[in-house]
Amino acid sequence: MDAHHHFWHPARGDYGWMPPDDPVLARPYGPADLAPALEATGISRTILVQAAPTTHETEYLLGLADGTDHVAGVVGWIDFERPEEIETIRRLAAHPKFLGLRPMIQDIVDDAWMLRDDLDWAFRAICDLDLTFDALGFPRHIEHFNTLFARYPSMRAVLDHCLKPTIADESPECFDEWARGIARLASGSTAYCKLSGLVTEAMENWRDEDLAFYSDHVLEVFGAERVMWGSDWPVCRLRCSYEDWHRTARQLVDHLGEAEKAQVFGRSAETFYRLA
């Protein structure tokens, strides 16, 4: 299973983060574009994740999911700053392929945004409706996520992209700070972690061993049963193909037993997202 990928169409107009002239990103990506990579890697189920801060995009993704057999579920977006959106959450939650929510915290200026009292309604709705929360952030958000997860202990949360460690920096200090923070999140909460996004945080001429420091640490502190592989396609194409990242990830977990590998490449995501 691929626990994290995107489809998008820039002409929709709500991908403000996307450089309009980027030759890799600024083009449409849909099911037909991903199909050859899924066939080549033998992946039959995926989780489709929002990439725009609009409910319209979430509805667009649910429409794609309805017509795409391999999409097992959608992680969408709502405006956490509008309590009246509770009705939107309830409506989305009624869709059989709607799994949870992902506010784009990495793009929000206030690092402690998720701890604002006026957002409590949204996090309580996630818990009450048994939805999931994808935590999209950077190492500087680690302590705030620690506080958030302690505040809502029943919330099913997963860290996207290992919280984007600065792999390209190659600084021991940066690694140690990230590693300590990730370990605190792993031991202090029930959160899962997505083994995804690492290639795009590395240098263009990245090596497998550059990523292994990070994947090994995540697997050690979370355990394979709380780690799930995701492609982050098409963003991964900034560094390599879908197939190359999948092959690299397989190599990064090669030291694990077969049962643990099965957790990382399917069962952990199925458990977390409660997929039949």
Protein backbone atom coordinates (compact mmCIF):
# COMPACT_ATOMS: atom_id res chain seq x y z
CA MET A 1 0.00 0.00 0.00
CA ASP A 2 1.03 3.57 -0.70
CA ALA A 3 -0.07 5.57 2.37
CA HIS A 4 0.49 9.03 0.89
CA HIS A 5 0.19 10.45 -2.62
CA HIS A 6 -1.52 13.31 -4.42
CA PHE A 7 -3.54 14.06 -7.53
CA TRP A 8 -3.97 17.67 -8.65
CA HIS A 9 -4.86 19.98 -11.51
CA PRO A 10 -3.15 23.41 -11.23
CA ALA A 11 -5.82 25.03 -13.40
CA ARG A 12 -8.21 24.64 -10.46
CA GLY A 13 -6.39 27.63 -8.98
CA ASP A 14 -6.06 26.75 -5.29
CA TYR A 15 -2.48 25.43 -5.11
CA GLY A 16 -0.89 28.63 -3.88
CA TRP A 17 2.31 26.88 -2.76
CA MET A 18 3.05 25.55 -6.25
CA PRO A 19 5.60 27.51 -8.36
CA PRO A 20 3.67 28.21 -11.58
CA ASP A 21 6.68 27.53 -13.80
CA ASP A 22 7.97 24.39 -12.08
CA PRO A 23 8.48 21.79 -14.84
CA VAL A 24 7.80 18.86 -12.50
CA LEU A 25 5.03 20.07 -10.22
CA ALA A 26 3.03 22.61 -12.24
CA ARG A 27 1.12 20.14 -14.40
CA PRO A 28 -1.92 17.93 -13.90
CA TYR A 29 -1.49 14.56 -12.21
CA GLY A 30 -4.30 12.04 -12.15
CA PRO A 31 -4.99 8.31 -11.91
CA ALA A 32 -3.78 7.56 -15.44
CA ASP A 33 -0.42 9.16 -14.68
CA LEU A 34 0.13 7.05 -11.57
CA ALA A 35 -1.12 3.76 -13.01
CA PRO A 36 2.17 2.61 -14.65
CA ALA A 37 4.11 3.11 -11.40
CA LEU A 38 1.54 1.19 -9.38
CA GLU A 39 1.67 -1.67 -11.86
CA ALA A 40 5.48 -1.69 -11.84
CA THR A 41 5.68 -1.82 -8.03
CA GLY A 42 2.71 -4.12 -7.46
CA ILE A 43 0.84 -1.62 -5.30
CA SER A 44 -2.93 -2.06 -5.38
CA ARG A 45 -4.20 0.38 -2.72
CA THR A 46 -3.39 4.01 -1.96
CA ILE A 47 -4.27 6.91 0.31
CA LEU A 48 -4.98 10.16 -1.56
CA VAL A 49 -4.00 13.25 0.43
CA GLN A 50 -5.05 16.90 0.02
CA ALA A 51 -2.63 19.44 -1.44
CA ALA A 52 -4.73 22.62 -1.40
CA PRO A 53 -6.26 24.49 1.57
CA THR A 54 -9.82 24.35 0.25
CA THR A 55 -12.82 22.11 0.80
CA HIS A 56 -13.42 22.30 -2.95
CA GLU A 57 -10.20 20.37 -3.54
CA THR A 58 -11.26 17.73 -1.00
CA GLU A 59 -14.52 17.26 -2.87
CA TYR A 60 -12.57 17.05 -6.14
CA LEU A 61 -10.39 14.31 -4.64
CA LEU A 62 -13.40 12.38 -3.36
CA GLY A 63 -14.81 12.49 -6.88
CA LEU A 64 -11.58 11.03 -8.22
CA ALA A 65 -11.61 8.41 -5.45
CA ASP A 66 -15.14 7.36 -6.38
CA GLY A 67 -13.92 6.48 -9.88
CA THR A 68 -10.53 5.00 -8.93
CA ASP A 69 -10.46 1.50 -7.47
CA HIS A 70 -6.97 1.72 -5.97
CA VAL A 71 -7.79 4.81 -3.87
CA ALA A 72 -8.82 3.30 -0.54
CA GLY A 73 -9.40 6.65 1.12
CA VAL A 74 -8.96 10.42 1.08
CA VAL A 75 -7.40 12.72 3.67
CA GLY A 76 -8.92 16.15 3.13
CA TRP A 77 -9.02 19.72 4.42
CA ILE A 78 -11.47 22.04 6.14
CA ASP A 79 -11.03 25.51 7.62
CA PHE A 80 -10.22 24.92 11.30
CA GLU A 81 -10.74 28.63 11.97
CA ARG A 82 -14.46 28.49 11.07
CA PRO A 83 -16.51 26.60 13.70
CA GLU A 84 -19.48 26.56 11.33
CA GLU A 85 -17.48 24.07 9.25
CA ILE A 86 -18.55 21.39 11.73
CA GLU A 87 -21.39 20.65 9.32
CA THR A 88 -18.89 20.28 6.49
CA ILE A 89 -16.87 17.79 8.52
CA ARG A 90 -20.00 15.78 9.27
CA ARG A 91 -21.00 15.79 5.61
CA LEU A 92 -17.54 14.68 4.47
CA ALA A 93 -17.35 12.02 7.17
CA ALA A 94 -20.45 10.39 5.69
CA HIS A 95 -18.53 9.63 2.48
CA PRO A 96 -17.26 6.02 2.58
CA LYS A 97 -13.78 7.00 1.36
CA PHE A 98 -13.27 10.05 3.58
CA LEU A 99 -10.74 9.19 6.27
CA GLY A 100 -9.52 12.35 7.96
CA LEU A 101 -8.11 15.86 7.84
CA ARG A 102 -4.80 17.58 7.22
CA PRO A 103 -4.43 21.30 7.92
CA MET A 104 -1.36 22.61 6.09
CA ILE A 105 0.50 23.52 9.28
CA GLN A 106 3.87 23.76 7.56
CA ASP A 107 2.62 26.86 5.70
CA ILE A 108 1.15 28.64 8.74
CA VAL A 109 3.28 31.47 10.19
CA ASP A 110 2.33 30.77 13.81
CA ASP A 111 4.20 27.59 14.80
CA ALA A 112 1.83 27.07 17.74
CA TRP A 113 -1.30 27.55 15.64
CA MET A 114 -2.63 24.07 16.37
CA LEU A 115 -2.79 24.90 20.10
CA ARG A 116 -5.15 27.86 19.76
CA ASP A 117 -8.22 27.49 21.99
CA ASP A 118 -10.57 28.51 19.18
CA LEU A 119 -9.56 25.41 17.18
CA ASP A 120 -10.64 22.99 19.91
CA TRP A 121 -13.97 22.31 18.16
CA ALA A 122 -12.18 20.89 15.09
CA PHE A 123 -9.93 18.53 17.02
CA ARG A 124 -12.86 17.37 19.13
CA ALA A 125 -14.83 16.72 15.94
CA ILE A 126 -11.97 14.58 14.61
CA CYS A 127 -12.08 12.53 17.81
CA ASP A 128 -15.88 12.35 18.04
CA LEU A 129 -16.28 11.32 14.39
CA ASP A 130 -13.39 8.86 14.63
CA LEU A 131 -11.43 10.57 11.86
CA THR A 132 -7.66 10.76 11.46
CA PHE A 133 -5.26 13.69 11.70
CA ASP A 134 -2.27 13.97 9.37
CA ALA A 135 0.38 16.14 11.07
CA LEU A 136 2.16 18.13 8.35
CA GLY A 137 5.01 20.12 9.84
CA PHE A 138 8.71 20.56 10.42
CA PRO A 139 11.05 19.69 13.32
CA ARG A 140 10.25 23.09 14.87
CA HIS A 141 6.66 21.88 15.39
CA ILE A 142 7.60 18.77 17.38
CA GLU A 143 6.95 20.14 20.87
CA HIS A 144 3.66 21.69 19.77
CA PHE A 145 2.55 18.34 18.33
CA ASN A 146 3.58 16.71 21.61
CA THR A 147 1.28 19.10 23.46
CA LEU A 148 -1.53 18.60 20.93
CA PHE A 149 -1.43 14.82 21.10
CA ALA A 150 -1.45 14.93 24.92
CA ARG A 151 -4.46 17.24 24.80
CA TYR A 152 -6.40 14.84 22.53
CA PRO A 153 -5.12 11.36 23.48
CA SER A 154 -7.89 9.56 21.58
CA MET A 155 -7.06 11.29 18.28
CA ARG A 156 -5.55 8.99 15.67
CA ALA A 157 -2.56 10.98 14.41
CA VAL A 158 0.22 10.30 11.93
CA LEU A 159 3.35 12.36 11.26
CA ASP A 160 3.72 13.14 7.58
CA HIS A 161 7.15 12.76 5.98
CA CYS A 162 8.90 12.03 9.32
CA LEU A 163 8.28 15.74 10.02
CA LYS A 164 10.68 16.75 7.23
CA PRO A 165 14.14 16.51 8.79
CA THR A 166 16.73 18.75 7.12
CA ILE A 167 18.65 15.91 5.49
CA ALA A 168 20.41 18.18 2.99
CA ASP A 169 21.96 20.14 5.87
CA GLU A 170 24.04 17.12 6.96
CA SER A 171 24.51 18.78 10.35
CA PRO A 172 24.89 16.44 13.36
CA GLU A 173 23.18 19.09 15.49
CA CYS A 174 20.11 19.17 13.22
CA PHE A 175 19.91 15.39 13.17
CA ASP A 176 20.24 15.10 16.93
CA GLU A 177 17.55 17.72 17.59
CA TRP A 178 15.15 16.02 15.17
CA ALA A 179 15.97 12.54 16.47
CA ARG A 180 15.37 13.49 20.12
CA GLY A 181 12.10 15.19 19.26
CA ILE A 182 10.83 12.29 17.15
CA ALA A 183 11.70 9.88 19.95
CA ARG A 184 9.66 11.97 22.41
CA LEU A 185 6.68 11.93 20.06
CA ALA A 186 6.97 8.17 19.60
CA SER A 187 7.20 7.38 23.32
CA GLY A 188 4.75 10.03 24.52
CA SER A 189 1.86 9.39 22.13
CA THR A 190 0.14 6.75 20.04
CA ALA A 191 0.97 8.58 16.80
CA TYR A 192 2.16 6.75 13.71
CA CYS A 193 4.83 8.00 11.27
CA LYS A 194 4.92 8.02 7.48
CA LEU A 195 8.16 6.88 5.90
CA SER A 196 7.73 9.38 3.10
CA GLY A 197 9.11 12.66 1.80
CA LEU A 198 12.73 11.90 2.71
CA VAL A 199 14.12 12.09 -0.82
CA THR A 200 12.84 15.64 -1.31
CA GLU A 201 14.51 16.78 1.93
CA ALA A 202 17.85 15.36 0.75
CA MET A 203 20.35 16.80 -1.70
CA GLU A 204 19.83 16.26 -5.42
CA ASN A 205 22.66 13.71 -5.49
CA TRP A 206 21.32 11.87 -2.45
CA ARG A 207 22.52 8.40 -1.49
CA ASP A 208 20.64 5.60 0.21
CA GLU A 209 22.88 5.89 3.26
CA ASP A 210 21.92 9.57 3.65
CA LEU A 211 18.33 8.47 4.22
CA ALA A 212 19.13 5.40 6.29
CA PHE A 213 20.08 7.43 9.38
CA TYR A 214 16.54 8.82 9.42
CA SER A 215 14.59 5.72 8.45
CA ASP A 216 16.51 3.58 10.95
CA HIS A 217 15.73 6.01 13.76
CA VAL A 218 12.03 6.20 12.89
CA LEU A 219 11.78 2.41 12.76
CA GLU A 220 13.62 2.08 16.07
CA VAL A 221 11.48 4.53 18.06
CA PHE A 222 8.07 3.84 16.50
CA GLY A 223 8.46 0.18 15.64
CA ALA A 224 7.41 -1.19 12.26
CA GLU A 225 3.82 -1.51 13.48
CA ARG A 226 3.54 2.31 13.65
CA VAL A 227 5.43 3.16 10.43
CA MET A 228 3.84 3.27 6.98
CA TRP A 229 5.47 3.82 3.61
CA GLY A 230 4.21 6.61 1.36
CA SER A 231 5.44 7.78 -2.03
CA ASP A 232 4.53 11.47 -1.73
CA TRP A 233 4.10 11.24 -5.51
CA PRO A 234 4.29 13.41 -7.58
CA VAL A 235 6.39 15.55 -5.19
CA CYS A 236 8.98 12.75 -5.04
CA ARG A 237 9.60 13.33 -8.76
CA LEU A 238 11.66 16.37 -7.78
CA ARG A 239 14.36 13.86 -6.85
CA CYS A 240 13.51 10.50 -8.37
CA SER A 241 10.80 8.34 -9.92
CA TYR A 242 8.08 6.58 -7.96
CA GLU A 243 9.73 3.26 -8.71
CA ASP A 244 13.16 4.44 -7.53
CA TRP A 245 11.82 5.73 -4.21
CA HIS A 246 9.87 2.50 -3.68
CA ARG A 247 12.99 0.47 -4.43
CA THR A 248 15.07 2.63 -2.07
CA ALA A 249 12.51 2.31 0.71
CA ARG A 250 12.55 -1.47 0.29
CA GLN A 251 16.32 -1.37 0.74
CA LEU A 252 16.02 0.87 3.80
CA VAL A 253 13.89 -1.74 5.57
CA ASP A 254 15.76 -4.77 4.26
CA HIS A 255 17.14 -5.51 7.74
CA LEU A 256 13.62 -6.12 9.07
CA GLY A 257 11.83 -9.44 9.19
CA GLU A 258 9.14 -10.25 6.64
CA ALA A 259 6.31 -9.54 9.06
CA GLU A 260 7.78 -6.12 9.89
CA LYS A 261 8.21 -5.28 6.20
CA ALA A 262 4.57 -6.17 5.65
CA GLN A 263 3.65 -3.70 8.40
CA VAL A 264 5.57 -0.85 6.78
CA PHE A 265 4.28 -1.57 3.29
CA GLY A 266 0.62 -2.06 4.08
CA ARG A 267 -0.62 -3.34 7.40
CA SER A 268 0.28 -0.28 9.48
CA ALA A 269 -1.66 1.99 7.12
CA GLU A 270 -4.57 -0.42 7.04
CA THR A 271 -4.67 -0.48 10.85
CA PHE A 272 -4.29 3.28 11.28
CA TYR A 273 -6.85 4.27 8.62
CA ARG A 274 -9.11 1.34 9.59
CA LEU A 275 -9.35 -0.10 6.11
CA ALA A 276 -11.13 -3.39 5.63
